[in-house]
Amino acid sequence: YFPHVCYKDQERVFYKNLGSGTMFLGFNPMNIVKLIMNSKQIMQDFNVSSWNTKGEGLLQGGWILFDTDGIPVVAFQEDAKKRIPVDKIIGEAKKMGASKK
């Protein structure tokens, strides 16, 4: 859950540059149970009341922050088994904003 504006990479150009990640849960069915339980806990922690289950559930992307000239400054790869580093993403965006002043 990321409550900020995001750009969806329809052509997956950025996705490919972020490593074309796919999630592999292995052959142990308990890994799937752990992922579901972890996801439920994250939703409770962030007070998420609705969610989207459409799309490519096993594809992992990320976030690329660009400066005002369109130059990529920092990238974060998604790891579906961990929480999104919201604080780090926002921190980097604030640093970028402060450096333009």
Protein backbone atom coordinates (compact mmCIF):
# COMPACT_ATOMS: atom_id res chain seq x y z
CA TYR A 1 0.00 0.00 0.00
CA PHE A 2 1.60 3.23 -1.17
CA PRO A 3 -0.77 6.20 -0.78
CA HIS A 4 1.10 8.49 -3.18
CA VAL A 5 0.90 9.16 -6.91
CA CYS A 6 2.72 6.55 -8.99
CA TYR A 7 3.34 6.16 -12.72
CA LYS A 8 2.43 2.79 -14.19
CA ASP A 9 5.01 1.54 -16.67
CA GLN A 10 2.69 -0.02 -19.27
CA GLU A 11 5.58 -0.98 -21.57
CA ARG A 12 7.68 -2.28 -18.63
CA VAL A 13 10.73 -0.27 -19.69
CA PHE A 14 11.53 0.75 -16.11
CA TYR A 15 10.60 -2.72 -14.87
CA LYS A 16 13.26 -4.22 -17.12
CA ASN A 17 15.82 -1.68 -15.89
CA LEU A 18 14.96 -2.58 -12.29
CA GLY A 19 15.95 -6.18 -12.97
CA SER A 20 12.69 -7.76 -14.25
CA GLY A 21 12.06 -9.29 -10.86
CA THR A 22 9.69 -12.15 -10.33
CA MET A 23 8.79 -13.57 -6.98
CA PHE A 24 9.71 -17.19 -6.38
CA LEU A 25 8.18 -18.86 -3.35
CA GLY A 26 9.93 -22.17 -3.79
CA PHE A 27 8.25 -25.54 -3.60
CA ASN A 28 7.29 -25.39 0.06
CA PRO A 29 3.55 -24.63 0.45
CA MET A 30 4.30 -23.02 3.81
CA ASN A 31 6.05 -20.17 1.96
CA ILE A 32 2.71 -19.24 0.39
CA VAL A 33 0.99 -19.38 3.78
CA LYS A 34 3.74 -17.17 5.29
CA LEU A 35 3.39 -14.65 2.46
CA ILE A 36 -0.38 -14.45 2.95
CA MET A 37 -0.06 -14.08 6.71
CA ASN A 38 2.62 -11.42 6.31
CA SER A 39 0.44 -9.54 3.81
CA LYS A 40 -2.50 -9.62 6.22
CA GLN A 41 -0.31 -8.26 9.01
CA ILE A 42 0.96 -5.43 6.81
CA MET A 43 -2.62 -4.52 5.87
CA GLN A 44 -3.56 -4.39 9.57
CA ASP A 45 -0.47 -2.33 10.45
CA PHE A 46 -1.27 0.25 7.78
CA ASN A 47 -5.04 0.21 8.34
CA VAL A 48 -5.71 -0.85 4.74
CA SER A 49 -9.43 -1.45 4.30
CA SER A 50 -9.50 -2.22 0.56
CA TRP A 51 -6.95 -3.59 -1.88
CA ASN A 52 -6.41 -4.54 -5.48
CA THR A 53 -5.80 -8.16 -6.44
CA LYS A 54 -5.76 -7.51 -10.19
CA GLY A 55 -2.65 -7.70 -12.31
CA GLU A 56 0.59 -9.59 -12.24
CA GLY A 57 0.87 -10.77 -8.66
CA LEU A 58 4.28 -12.38 -9.03
CA LEU A 59 6.00 -9.52 -10.89
CA GLN A 60 8.09 -7.17 -8.83
CA GLY A 61 8.99 -3.68 -9.94
CA GLY A 62 10.02 -0.71 -7.91
CA TRP A 63 10.27 3.05 -7.82
CA ILE A 64 12.59 5.35 -9.71
CA LEU A 65 12.77 8.98 -8.63
CA PHE A 66 13.61 11.48 -11.37
CA ASP A 67 14.77 15.06 -11.00
CA THR A 68 12.99 17.93 -12.77
CA ASP A 69 15.18 17.38 -15.84
CA GLY A 70 14.04 13.76 -16.13
CA ILE A 71 17.33 12.30 -14.89
CA PRO A 72 16.95 9.24 -12.64
CA VAL A 73 18.41 9.98 -9.20
CA VAL A 74 17.61 6.94 -7.09
CA ALA A 75 15.83 3.61 -7.55
CA PHE A 76 14.21 1.19 -5.13
CA GLN A 77 13.62 -2.41 -6.14
CA GLU A 78 10.46 -4.04 -4.84
CA ASP A 79 10.70 -7.11 -2.66
CA ALA A 80 7.19 -8.51 -2.24
CA LYS A 81 8.30 -10.40 0.86
CA LYS A 82 9.16 -7.13 2.65
CA ARG A 83 7.40 -3.87 3.30
CA ILE A 84 7.72 -1.01 0.84
CA PRO A 85 10.42 1.38 2.13
CA VAL A 86 7.99 4.34 2.18
CA ASP A 87 10.13 6.36 4.62
CA LYS A 88 13.25 5.92 2.48
CA ILE A 89 11.40 6.85 -0.73
CA ILE A 90 9.91 9.96 0.87
CA GLY A 91 13.28 10.83 2.45
CA GLU A 92 15.03 10.67 -0.91
CA ALA A 93 12.27 12.75 -2.53
CA LYS A 94 12.66 15.39 0.20
CA LYS A 95 16.45 15.44 -0.31
CA MET A 96 15.89 15.95 -4.02
CA GLY A 97 13.49 18.81 -3.30
CA ALA A 98 15.89 20.43 -0.83
CA SER A 99 18.81 20.24 -3.28
CA LYS A 100 16.83 22.24 -5.88
CA LYS A 101 16.38 25.22 -3.55
